[in-house]
C-alpha atoms as a PDB file:
ATOM      1  CA  MET A   1      20.511  21.789 -51.409  1.00  0.00           C
ATOM      2  CA  ASP A   2      21.944  20.975 -48.017  1.00  0.00           C
ATOM      3  CA  VAL A   3      25.682  20.307 -48.278  1.00  0.00           C
ATOM      4  CA  PRO A   4      27.505  18.633 -45.378  1.00  0.00           C
ATOM      5  CA  GLU A   5      30.493  20.624 -44.179  1.00  0.00           C
ATOM      6  CA  THR A   6      33.610  19.339 -42.473  1.00  0.00           C
ATOM      7  CA  PRO A   7      35.915  21.678 -40.551  1.00  0.00           C
ATOM      8  CA  ALA A   8      39.355  21.828 -42.149  1.00  0.00           C
ATOM      9  CA  ALA A   9      40.886  20.719 -38.842  1.00  0.00           C
ATOM     10  CA  GLU A  10      38.970  17.408 -39.131  1.00  0.00           C
ATOM     11  CA  LEU A  11      40.026  16.684 -42.720  1.00  0.00           C
ATOM     12  CA  ALA A  12      43.502  15.250 -41.978  1.00  0.00           C
ATOM     13  CA  PRO A  13      42.229  11.944 -40.505  1.00  0.00           C
ATOM     14  CA  GLU A  14      39.940  11.513 -43.497  1.00  0.00           C
ATOM     15  CA  ILE A  15      42.880  12.015 -45.864  1.00  0.00           C
ATOM     16  CA  GLU A  16      44.884   9.437 -43.888  1.00  0.00           C
ATOM     17  CA  ARG A  17      42.030   6.975 -44.457  1.00  0.00           C
ATOM     18  CA  GLY A  18      42.345   7.611 -48.200  1.00  0.00           C
ATOM     19  CA  VAL A  19      39.193   9.678 -48.714  1.00  0.00           C
ATOM     20  CA  PRO A  20      39.640  11.728 -51.929  1.00  0.00           C
ATOM     21  CA  VAL A  21      39.982  15.510 -51.911  1.00  0.00           C
ATOM     22  CA  VAL A  22      39.423  17.713 -54.948  1.00  0.00           C
ATOM     23  CA  ASP A  23      40.724  21.290 -54.983  1.00  0.00           C
ATOM     24  CA  VAL A  24      38.612  23.575 -57.177  1.00  0.00           C
ATOM     25  CA  ARG A  25      40.882  26.640 -57.158  1.00  0.00           C
ATOM     26  CA  ARG A  26      42.684  28.073 -60.165  1.00  0.00           C
ATOM     27  CA  PRO A  27      46.096  26.586 -61.074  1.00  0.00           C
ATOM     28  CA  GLU A  28      47.971  29.671 -59.861  1.00  0.00           C
ATOM     29  CA  GLU A  29      46.311  29.337 -56.445  1.00  0.00           C
ATOM     30  CA  TRP A  30      47.146  25.619 -56.390  1.00  0.00           C
ATOM     31  CA  THR A  31      50.873  26.154 -56.960  1.00  0.00           C
ATOM     32  CA  GLY A  32      50.941  28.653 -54.074  1.00  0.00           C
ATOM     33  CA  GLY A  33      49.977  25.989 -51.538  1.00  0.00           C
ATOM     34  CA  ARG A  34      47.937  22.796 -51.649  1.00  0.00           C
ATOM     35  CA  ILE A  35      47.142  19.609 -49.798  1.00  0.00           C
ATOM     36  CA  GLY A  36      49.544  17.031 -51.185  1.00  0.00           C
ATOM     37  CA  GLU A  37      46.916  14.321 -51.600  1.00  0.00           C
ATOM     38  CA  ALA A  38      44.371  16.594 -53.319  1.00  0.00           C
ATOM     39  CA  MET A  39      43.766  16.646 -57.041  1.00  0.00           C
ATOM     40  CA  LEU A  40      43.221  19.888 -58.897  1.00  0.00           C
ATOM     41  CA  ILE A  41      40.096  20.373 -60.987  1.00  0.00           C
ATOM     42  CA  PRO A  42      39.287  24.074 -61.322  1.00  0.00           C
ATOM     43  CA  MET A  43      35.665  24.965 -60.601  1.00  0.00           C
ATOM     44  CA  GLY A  44      34.875  25.728 -64.252  1.00  0.00           C
ATOM     45  CA  GLU A  45      35.997  22.242 -65.305  1.00  0.00           C
ATOM     46  CA  ILE A  46      34.124  20.176 -62.709  1.00  0.00           C
ATOM     47  CA  SER A  47      31.243  19.212 -64.991  1.00  0.00           C
ATOM     48  CA  ASP A  48      33.746  17.588 -67.388  1.00  0.00           C
ATOM     49  CA  HIS A  49      35.046  15.330 -64.588  1.00  0.00           C
ATOM     50  CA  VAL A  50      31.888  14.082 -62.858  1.00  0.00           C
ATOM     51  CA  GLY A  51      32.454  10.470 -63.938  1.00  0.00           C
ATOM     52  CA  GLU A  52      36.064  10.549 -62.776  1.00  0.00           C
ATOM     53  CA  LEU A  53      35.092  12.036 -59.411  1.00  0.00           C
ATOM     54  CA  GLU A  54      32.300   9.495 -58.961  1.00  0.00           C
ATOM     55  CA  ALA A  55      34.807   6.693 -59.578  1.00  0.00           C
ATOM     56  CA  ARG A  56      37.349   8.204 -57.166  1.00  0.00           C
ATOM     57  CA  ALA A  57      34.719   8.536 -54.451  1.00  0.00           C
ATOM     58  CA  GLY A  58      33.677   4.917 -54.972  1.00  0.00           C
ATOM     59  CA  GLY A  59      30.339   5.499 -53.279  1.00  0.00           C
ATOM     60  CA  GLY A  60      31.977   7.122 -50.263  1.00  0.00           C
ATOM     61  CA  PRO A  61      32.565  10.763 -49.416  1.00  0.00           C
ATOM     62  CA  LEU A  62      34.530  13.167 -51.566  1.00  0.00           C
ATOM     63  CA  TYR A  63      35.863  16.351 -49.952  1.00  0.00           C
ATOM     64  CA  VAL A  64      35.876  19.583 -51.944  1.00  0.00           C
ATOM     65  CA  ILE A  65      38.168  22.467 -50.981  1.00  0.00           C
ATOM     66  CA  CYS A  66      38.981  25.943 -52.276  1.00  0.00           C
ATOM     67  CA  ARG A  67      40.575  29.038 -50.727  1.00  0.00           C
ATOM     68  CA  SER A  68      37.840  29.961 -48.248  1.00  0.00           C
ATOM     69  CA  GLY A  69      35.019  27.454 -48.693  1.00  0.00           C
ATOM     70  CA  VAL A  70      32.726  29.458 -50.980  1.00  0.00           C
ATOM     71  CA  ARG A  71      33.536  27.904 -54.371  1.00  0.00           C
ATOM     72  CA  SER A  72      33.871  24.456 -52.856  1.00  0.00           C
ATOM     73  CA  LEU A  73      30.398  24.769 -51.309  1.00  0.00           C
ATOM     74  CA  GLN A  74      28.938  25.493 -54.753  1.00  0.00           C
ATOM     75  CA  VAL A  75      30.837  22.624 -56.358  1.00  0.00           C
ATOM     76  CA  ALA A  76      29.911  20.189 -53.580  1.00  0.00           C
ATOM     77  CA  GLY A  77      26.259  21.146 -54.071  1.00  0.00           C
ATOM     78  CA  PHE A  78      26.511  20.486 -57.796  1.00  0.00           C
ATOM     79  CA  LEU A  79      28.265  17.142 -57.259  1.00  0.00           C
ATOM     80  CA  ARG A  80      25.565  16.079 -54.804  1.00  0.00           C
ATOM     81  CA  THR A  81      22.957  16.652 -57.544  1.00  0.00           C
ATOM     82  CA  GLN A  82      25.020  14.217 -59.620  1.00  0.00           C
ATOM     83  CA  GLY A  83      24.754  11.531 -56.930  1.00  0.00           C
ATOM     84  CA  ILE A  84      28.208  12.020 -55.395  1.00  0.00           C
ATOM     85  CA  ASP A  85      28.542  12.227 -51.595  1.00  0.00           C
ATOM     86  CA  ALA A  86      30.446  15.528 -51.832  1.00  0.00           C
ATOM     87  CA  ARG A  87      31.278  17.448 -48.666  1.00  0.00           C
ATOM     88  CA  ASN A  88      32.534  20.989 -48.373  1.00  0.00           C
ATOM     89  CA  VAL A  89      35.678  21.727 -46.385  1.00  0.00           C
ATOM     90  CA  ALA A  90      34.542  24.680 -44.273  1.00  0.00           C
ATOM     91  CA  GLY A  91      36.998  27.559 -44.343  1.00  0.00           C
ATOM     92  CA  GLY A  92      38.987  26.020 -47.190  1.00  0.00           C
ATOM     93  CA  MET A  93      42.756  26.292 -47.450  1.00  0.00           C
ATOM     94  CA  LEU A  94      42.750  29.335 -45.172  1.00  0.00           C
ATOM     95  CA  ALA A  95      41.369  27.177 -42.351  1.00  0.00           C
ATOM     96  CA  TRP A  96      43.627  24.234 -43.302  1.00  0.00           C
ATOM     97  CA  THR A  97      46.782  26.324 -42.902  1.00  0.00           C
ATOM     98  CA  ALA A  98      45.406  28.105 -39.810  1.00  0.00           C
ATOM     99  CA  ALA A  99      44.991  24.659 -38.222  1.00  0.00           C
ATOM    100  CA  GLY A 100      48.734  24.118 -38.752  1.00  0.00           C
ATOM    101  CA  HIS A 101      48.560  21.531 -41.515  1.00  0.00           C
ATOM    102  CA  GLU A 102      51.330  21.318 -44.081  1.00  0.00           C
ATOM    103  CA  VAL A 103      50.980  22.394 -47.688  1.00  0.00           C
ATOM    104  CA  GLU A 104      52.978  21.622 -50.800  1.00  0.00           C
ATOM    105  CA  THR A 105      54.002  24.431 -53.133  1.00  0.00           C
ATOM    106  CA  GLY A 106      55.285  24.751 -56.669  1.00  0.00           C
ATOM    107  CA  PRO A 107      54.347  22.751 -59.741  1.00  0.00           C
ATOM    108  CA  THR A 108      52.876  19.301 -59.298  1.00  0.00           C
ATOM    109  CA  ARG A 109      55.035  16.244 -59.535  1.00  0.00           C
END
């Protein structure tokens, strides 16, 4: 399945518009640095949250991110088979931080 990819450097304006971002990394990766507006759903739990993600996307795009873009590409492909307009964030959090964007650390609020 063809999955649209968005460069991490182009994600910030989408976040400002309110487009949802789901981070599919493990919790210990998440606490080490994350996009503040993203929600954490580890890759292995995605299938349990399809309805929730569909509602959050509201028929629009949903961005999926991980550390480097590999897991998020797989998850985005799965979500697209479920009818969600999921898009992979190319390069993941590595590219996000390389582009100079801020991250939050520590436990979630």
